[in-house]
Amino acid sequence: THPSLCKPQGKWKREWIPSLWLDTFSELLYDDNELDYGDQWTLNFNYSQTDVVTKEERKKGWKIYAHCARGNFRCDSCYRTWPSARVVVLFRYRLQRGRGTVIMRPFGQSCRHCQDDEFDLPGFSKKEVEHALLRLFGKIRKNCYNEEEEDDDDDGSSTCSTKVWTKPHEAGLCEACILGICCQDEQ
């Protein structure tokens, strides 16, 4: 199903909630044993990281995964809300001496009405967070543990079952597009 035609599933949040990501990360790791290799993994946030991995960082084992998700936004100025099927979530990760580190950055969008050059951070449903983290864990298993990545006929984008028409993606209002790392071309 084309992600821009998806209807939100589950309870959708209209604001950025880091604890939803942290709690879901822990649940998947420790309750569902998604990365059951005996290593300790942590999730942190960096709201200025980019998709550039330097040669030095690459030598230290850092890798990047950009996920295209479905989320909701709420303008901090006028409180208007809007959905987006093209929310970029960038993960930087590595495994070193039994310790795994994931650093995440959600990219924002600007309000079309206010046009104040402020980027509002996205809100996500728990199901969408789980989907993004499971995709990340697949990349970690492949790149850190040399496992074959499961081929689930998924293009890396959001999952959905009901079609709903959404407005076209506006690159000029998308922080990731402006920085040259949007997922629009992948769809």
C-alpha atoms as a PDB file:
ATOM      1  CA  THR A   1       0.000   0.000   0.000  1.00  0.00           C
ATOM      2  CA  HIS A   2       1.318   3.428  -0.900  1.00  0.00           C
ATOM      3  CA  PRO A   3       2.196   5.255   2.345  1.00  0.00           C
ATOM      4  CA  SER A   4       0.660   8.582   1.321  1.00  0.00           C
ATOM      5  CA  LEU A   5      -2.688   6.811   1.122  1.00  0.00           C
ATOM      6  CA  CYS A   6      -2.559   5.422   4.647  1.00  0.00           C
ATOM      7  CA  LYS A   7      -5.056   6.026   7.402  1.00  0.00           C
ATOM      8  CA  PRO A   8      -3.450   6.462  10.824  1.00  0.00           C
ATOM      9  CA  GLN A   9      -3.640   3.354  12.968  1.00  0.00           C
ATOM     10  CA  GLY A  10      -3.731   3.276  16.734  1.00  0.00           C
ATOM     11  CA  LYS A  11      -3.690   6.319  18.959  1.00  0.00           C
ATOM     12  CA  TRP A  12      -1.823   9.148  17.244  1.00  0.00           C
ATOM     13  CA  LYS A  13       0.125  11.726  19.183  1.00  0.00           C
ATOM     14  CA  ARG A  14       0.260  15.274  17.860  1.00  0.00           C
ATOM     15  CA  GLU A  15       3.427  16.216  19.691  1.00  0.00           C
ATOM     16  CA  TRP A  16       6.940  14.819  19.990  1.00  0.00           C
ATOM     17  CA  ILE A  17       7.162  12.383  22.909  1.00  0.00           C
ATOM     18  CA  PRO A  18      10.699  10.979  23.388  1.00  0.00           C
ATOM     19  CA  SER A  19       9.515   8.630  26.160  1.00  0.00           C
ATOM     20  CA  LEU A  20       7.294   6.774  23.655  1.00  0.00           C
ATOM     21  CA  TRP A  21      10.431   5.927  21.652  1.00  0.00           C
ATOM     22  CA  LEU A  22      12.508   5.079  24.744  1.00  0.00           C
ATOM     23  CA  ASP A  23       9.821   2.855  26.274  1.00  0.00           C
ATOM     24  CA  THR A  24       9.091   1.059  22.995  1.00  0.00           C
ATOM     25  CA  PHE A  25      12.830   0.582  22.361  1.00  0.00           C
ATOM     26  CA  SER A  26      13.179  -1.062  25.814  1.00  0.00           C
ATOM     27  CA  GLU A  27      10.073  -3.212  25.356  1.00  0.00           C
ATOM     28  CA  LEU A  28      11.249  -4.547  22.000  1.00  0.00           C
ATOM     29  CA  LEU A  29      14.782  -5.159  23.263  1.00  0.00           C
ATOM     30  CA  TYR A  30      14.112  -6.679  26.646  1.00  0.00           C
ATOM     31  CA  ASP A  31      10.555  -8.034  26.523  1.00  0.00           C
ATOM     32  CA  ASP A  32      10.529  -9.238  22.915  1.00  0.00           C
ATOM     33  CA  ASN A  33      14.302  -9.986  22.693  1.00  0.00           C
ATOM     34  CA  GLU A  34      14.656  -8.329  19.280  1.00  0.00           C
ATOM     35  CA  LEU A  35      18.456  -8.070  19.649  1.00  0.00           C
ATOM     36  CA  ASP A  36      19.170 -11.106  21.808  1.00  0.00           C
ATOM     37  CA  TYR A  37      22.968 -11.235  21.549  1.00  0.00           C
ATOM     38  CA  GLY A  38      23.961 -10.361  25.111  1.00  0.00           C
ATOM     39  CA  ASP A  39      24.936  -6.766  24.291  1.00  0.00           C
ATOM     40  CA  GLN A  40      23.587  -3.644  26.026  1.00  0.00           C
ATOM     41  CA  TRP A  41      21.811  -1.208  23.687  1.00  0.00           C
ATOM     42  CA  THR A  42      20.807   2.380  24.451  1.00  0.00           C
ATOM     43  CA  LEU A  43      18.741   4.958  22.602  1.00  0.00           C
ATOM     44  CA  ASN A  44      19.616   8.664  22.761  1.00  0.00           C
ATOM     45  CA  PHE A  45      18.482  11.752  20.874  1.00  0.00           C
ATOM     46  CA  ASN A  46      20.487  14.342  18.949  1.00  0.00           C
ATOM     47  CA  TYR A  47      18.383  17.024  17.300  1.00  0.00           C
ATOM     48  CA  SER A  48      21.198  18.339  15.098  1.00  0.00           C
ATOM     49  CA  GLN A  49      22.740  15.169  13.631  1.00  0.00           C
ATOM     50  CA  THR A  50      22.850  14.744   9.868  1.00  0.00           C
ATOM     51  CA  ASP A  51      23.098  11.749   7.554  1.00  0.00           C
ATOM     52  CA  VAL A  52      26.817  12.385   6.972  1.00  0.00           C
ATOM     53  CA  VAL A  53      29.179   9.753   8.385  1.00  0.00           C
ATOM     54  CA  THR A  54      32.803  10.858   8.247  1.00  0.00           C
ATOM     55  CA  LYS A  55      35.631   8.469   7.394  1.00  0.00           C
ATOM     56  CA  GLU A  56      36.715   8.615  11.043  1.00  0.00           C
ATOM     57  CA  GLU A  57      33.190   7.824  12.270  1.00  0.00           C
ATOM     58  CA  ARG A  58      32.933   4.967   9.787  1.00  0.00           C
ATOM     59  CA  LYS A  59      36.192   3.532  11.166  1.00  0.00           C
ATOM     60  CA  LYS A  60      34.600   3.648  14.616  1.00  0.00           C
ATOM     61  CA  GLY A  61      31.675   1.579  13.321  1.00  0.00           C
ATOM     62  CA  TRP A  62      28.968   4.229  12.929  1.00  0.00           C
ATOM     63  CA  LYS A  63      26.211   3.533  10.419  1.00  0.00           C
ATOM     64  CA  ILE A  64      23.107   5.470   9.350  1.00  0.00           C
ATOM     65  CA  TYR A  65      19.528   4.398   8.690  1.00  0.00           C
ATOM     66  CA  ALA A  66      16.894   6.917   7.545  1.00  0.00           C
ATOM     67  CA  HIS A  67      13.319   5.735   8.035  1.00  0.00           C
ATOM     68  CA  CYS A  68      10.282   7.272   6.357  1.00  0.00           C
ATOM     69  CA  ALA A  69       7.344   7.209   8.757  1.00  0.00           C
ATOM     70  CA  ARG A  70       3.799   8.462   9.078  1.00  0.00           C
ATOM     71  CA  GLY A  71       3.252  11.066  11.757  1.00  0.00           C
ATOM     72  CA  ASN A  72       1.245  14.075  12.839  1.00  0.00           C
ATOM     73  CA  PHE A  73       2.295  17.641  13.474  1.00  0.00           C
ATOM     74  CA  ARG A  74       0.913  20.489  15.552  1.00  0.00           C
ATOM     75  CA  CYS A  75       2.069  24.055  15.019  1.00  0.00           C
ATOM     76  CA  ASP A  76       3.366  25.602  18.241  1.00  0.00           C
ATOM     77  CA  SER A  77       2.203  29.046  17.062  1.00  0.00           C
ATOM     78  CA  CYS A  78      -1.326  28.606  15.672  1.00  0.00           C
ATOM     79  CA  TYR A  79      -2.044  25.042  16.923  1.00  0.00           C
ATOM     80  CA  ARG A  80      -3.125  23.805  13.485  1.00  0.00           C
ATOM     81  CA  THR A  81      -2.527  20.091  12.938  1.00  0.00           C
ATOM     82  CA  TRP A  82      -1.640  18.082   9.852  1.00  0.00           C
ATOM     83  CA  PRO A  83      -0.679  14.494   8.996  1.00  0.00           C
ATOM     84  CA  SER A  84       2.346  13.497   6.942  1.00  0.00           C
ATOM     85  CA  ALA A  85       3.274  10.196   5.347  1.00  0.00           C
ATOM     86  CA  ARG A  86       6.834  11.456   4.807  1.00  0.00           C
ATOM     87  CA  VAL A  87       8.338  12.043   8.230  1.00  0.00           C
ATOM     88  CA  VAL A  88      12.056  11.292   8.284  1.00  0.00           C
ATOM     89  CA  VAL A  89      13.509   9.674  11.380  1.00  0.00           C
ATOM     90  CA  LEU A  90      17.297   9.366  11.214  1.00  0.00           C
ATOM     91  CA  PHE A  91      19.134   6.708  13.227  1.00  0.00           C
ATOM     92  CA  ARG A  92      22.901   6.607  13.755  1.00  0.00           C
ATOM     93  CA  TYR A  93      24.063   3.363  15.366  1.00  0.00           C
ATOM     94  CA  ARG A  94      27.077   1.224  16.235  1.00  0.00           C
ATOM     95  CA  LEU A  95      28.117  -1.749  18.344  1.00  0.00           C
ATOM     96  CA  GLN A  96      31.432  -1.491  20.154  1.00  0.00           C
ATOM     97  CA  ARG A  97      32.802  -3.852  22.833  1.00  0.00           C
ATOM     98  CA  GLY A  98      29.410  -5.223  23.853  1.00  0.00           C
ATOM     99  CA  ARG A  99      27.704  -1.826  23.941  1.00  0.00           C
ATOM    100  CA  GLY A 100      25.288  -0.743  21.259  1.00  0.00           C
ATOM    101  CA  THR A 101      24.373   2.885  20.791  1.00  0.00           C
ATOM    102  CA  VAL A 102      21.514   4.304  18.754  1.00  0.00           C
ATOM    103  CA  ILE A 103      21.229   8.070  18.298  1.00  0.00           C
ATOM    104  CA  MET A 104      17.956   9.245  16.805  1.00  0.00           C
ATOM    105  CA  ARG A 105      16.750  12.465  15.235  1.00  0.00           C
ATOM    106  CA  PRO A 106      13.189  13.160  14.124  1.00  0.00           C
ATOM    107  CA  PHE A 107      12.906  15.817  11.432  1.00  0.00           C
ATOM    108  CA  GLY A 108      10.244  18.491  11.615  1.00  0.00           C
ATOM    109  CA  GLN A 109       7.961  20.327   9.263  1.00  0.00           C
ATOM    110  CA  SER A 110       6.878  23.970   9.148  1.00  0.00           C
ATOM    111  CA  CYS A 111       3.277  25.107   9.313  1.00  0.00           C
ATOM    112  CA  ARG A 112       1.971  26.127   5.885  1.00  0.00           C
ATOM    113  CA  HIS A 113      -0.273  28.727   7.520  1.00  0.00           C
ATOM    114  CA  CYS A 114       2.350  30.474   9.712  1.00  0.00           C
ATOM    115  CA  GLN A 115       5.392  30.089   7.444  1.00  0.00           C
ATOM    116  CA  ASP A 116       7.592  31.202  10.353  1.00  0.00           C
ATOM    117  CA  ASP A 117      10.590  28.979   9.469  1.00  0.00           C
ATOM    118  CA  GLU A 118      10.058  27.057  12.725  1.00  0.00           C
ATOM    119  CA  PHE A 119      10.089  23.273  12.442  1.00  0.00           C
ATOM    120  CA  ASP A 120       7.570  21.446  14.600  1.00  0.00           C
ATOM    121  CA  LEU A 121       8.529  17.929  15.658  1.00  0.00           C
ATOM    122  CA  PRO A 122       6.238  15.009  14.765  1.00  0.00           C
ATOM    123  CA  GLY A 123       4.020  12.858  16.922  1.00  0.00           C
ATOM    124  CA  PHE A 124       3.647   9.125  16.230  1.00  0.00           C
ATOM    125  CA  SER A 125       1.384   6.241  17.146  1.00  0.00           C
ATOM    126  CA  LYS A 126       2.900   3.408  19.177  1.00  0.00           C
ATOM    127  CA  LYS A 127       2.393   1.096  16.190  1.00  0.00           C
ATOM    128  CA  GLU A 128       4.370   3.466  13.950  1.00  0.00           C
ATOM    129  CA  VAL A 129       7.188   3.678  16.528  1.00  0.00           C
ATOM    130  CA  GLU A 130       7.310  -0.125  16.758  1.00  0.00           C
ATOM    131  CA  HIS A 131       7.460  -0.415  12.972  1.00  0.00           C
ATOM    132  CA  ALA A 132      10.341   2.086  12.715  1.00  0.00           C
ATOM    133  CA  LEU A 133      12.312   0.406  15.508  1.00  0.00           C
ATOM    134  CA  LEU A 134      11.770  -3.093  14.087  1.00  0.00           C
ATOM    135  CA  ARG A 135      13.133  -1.878  10.749  1.00  0.00           C
ATOM    136  CA  LEU A 136      16.111  -0.365  12.598  1.00  0.00           C
ATOM    137  CA  PHE A 137      16.712  -3.637  14.473  1.00  0.00           C
ATOM    138  CA  GLY A 138      16.740  -5.457  11.118  1.00  0.00           C
ATOM    139  CA  LYS A 139      19.507  -3.093   9.941  1.00  0.00           C
ATOM    140  CA  ILE A 140      21.399  -3.615  13.218  1.00  0.00           C
ATOM    141  CA  ARG A 141      21.147  -7.417  12.915  1.00  0.00           C
ATOM    142  CA  LYS A 142      22.482  -7.198   9.347  1.00  0.00           C
ATOM    143  CA  ASN A 143      25.239  -4.638   9.896  1.00  0.00           C
ATOM    144  CA  CYS A 144      26.374  -5.407  13.449  1.00  0.00           C
ATOM    145  CA  TYR A 145      25.716  -9.154  13.732  1.00  0.00           C
ATOM    146  CA  ASN A 146      26.072 -10.196  10.064  1.00  0.00           C
ATOM    147  CA  GLU A 147      22.584 -11.694   9.895  1.00  0.00           C
ATOM    148  CA  GLU A 148      20.613 -11.731   6.677  1.00  0.00           C
ATOM    149  CA  GLU A 149      17.989  -9.022   6.592  1.00  0.00           C
ATOM    150  CA  GLU A 150      14.478 -10.447   6.485  1.00  0.00           C
ATOM    151  CA  ASP A 151      12.819  -9.826   3.139  1.00  0.00           C
ATOM    152  CA  ASP A 152       9.294  -8.825   4.064  1.00  0.00           C
ATOM    153  CA  ASP A 153       8.478  -7.050   0.781  1.00  0.00           C
ATOM    154  CA  ASP A 154       8.519  -3.782   2.699  1.00  0.00           C
ATOM    155  CA  ASP A 155      10.064  -0.720   1.120  1.00  0.00           C
ATOM    156  CA  GLY A 156      11.139   0.710   4.477  1.00  0.00           C
ATOM    157  CA  SER A 157       8.184   3.020   4.713  1.00  0.00           C
ATOM    158  CA  SER A 158       5.201   3.214   6.973  1.00  0.00           C
ATOM    159  CA  THR A 159       2.759   0.341   7.251  1.00  0.00           C
ATOM    160  CA  CYS A 160      -0.976   0.725   6.788  1.00  0.00           C
ATOM    161  CA  SER A 161      -4.073  -1.110   5.675  1.00  0.00           C
ATOM    162  CA  THR A 162      -6.703   1.500   4.831  1.00  0.00           C
ATOM    163  CA  LYS A 163      -6.315   3.979   1.961  1.00  0.00           C
ATOM    164  CA  VAL A 164      -6.941   7.650   2.613  1.00  0.00           C
ATOM    165  CA  TRP A 165      -5.959  10.537   0.348  1.00  0.00           C
ATOM    166  CA  THR A 166      -3.469  12.996   1.825  1.00  0.00           C
ATOM    167  CA  LYS A 167      -2.086  16.236   0.463  1.00  0.00           C
ATOM    168  CA  PRO A 168       1.168  16.130  -1.531  1.00  0.00           C
ATOM    169  CA  HIS A 169       4.431  16.469   0.352  1.00  0.00           C
ATOM    170  CA  GLU A 170       5.654  20.087   0.451  1.00  0.00           C
ATOM    171  CA  ALA A 171       9.450  19.974   0.262  1.00  0.00           C
ATOM    172  CA  GLY A 172       9.801  23.669   1.159  1.00  0.00           C
ATOM    173  CA  LEU A 173       8.181  23.013   4.551  1.00  0.00           C
ATOM    174  CA  CYS A 174      10.114  19.801   5.293  1.00  0.00           C
ATOM    175  CA  GLU A 175      13.294  20.077   7.367  1.00  0.00           C
ATOM    176  CA  ALA A 176      14.714  16.846   5.927  1.00  0.00           C
ATOM    177  CA  CYS A 177      14.056  17.944   2.323  1.00  0.00           C
ATOM    178  CA  ILE A 178      15.731  21.284   2.961  1.00  0.00           C
ATOM    179  CA  LEU A 179      18.780  19.393   4.303  1.00  0.00           C
ATOM    180  CA  GLY A 180      18.730  17.026   1.309  1.00  0.00           C
ATOM    181  CA  ILE A 181      17.757  13.833   3.131  1.00  0.00           C
ATOM    182  CA  CYS A 182      14.021  13.491   2.637  1.00  0.00           C
ATOM    183  CA  CYS A 183      12.459  10.140   1.785  1.00  0.00           C
ATOM    184  CA  GLN A 184      10.093  11.528  -0.874  1.00  0.00           C
ATOM    185  CA  ASP A 185      12.086  10.036  -3.759  1.00  0.00           C
ATOM    186  CA  GLU A 186      11.981   6.557  -2.223  1.00  0.00           C
ATOM    187  CA  GLN A 187       8.227   6.201  -2.597  1.00  0.00           C
END
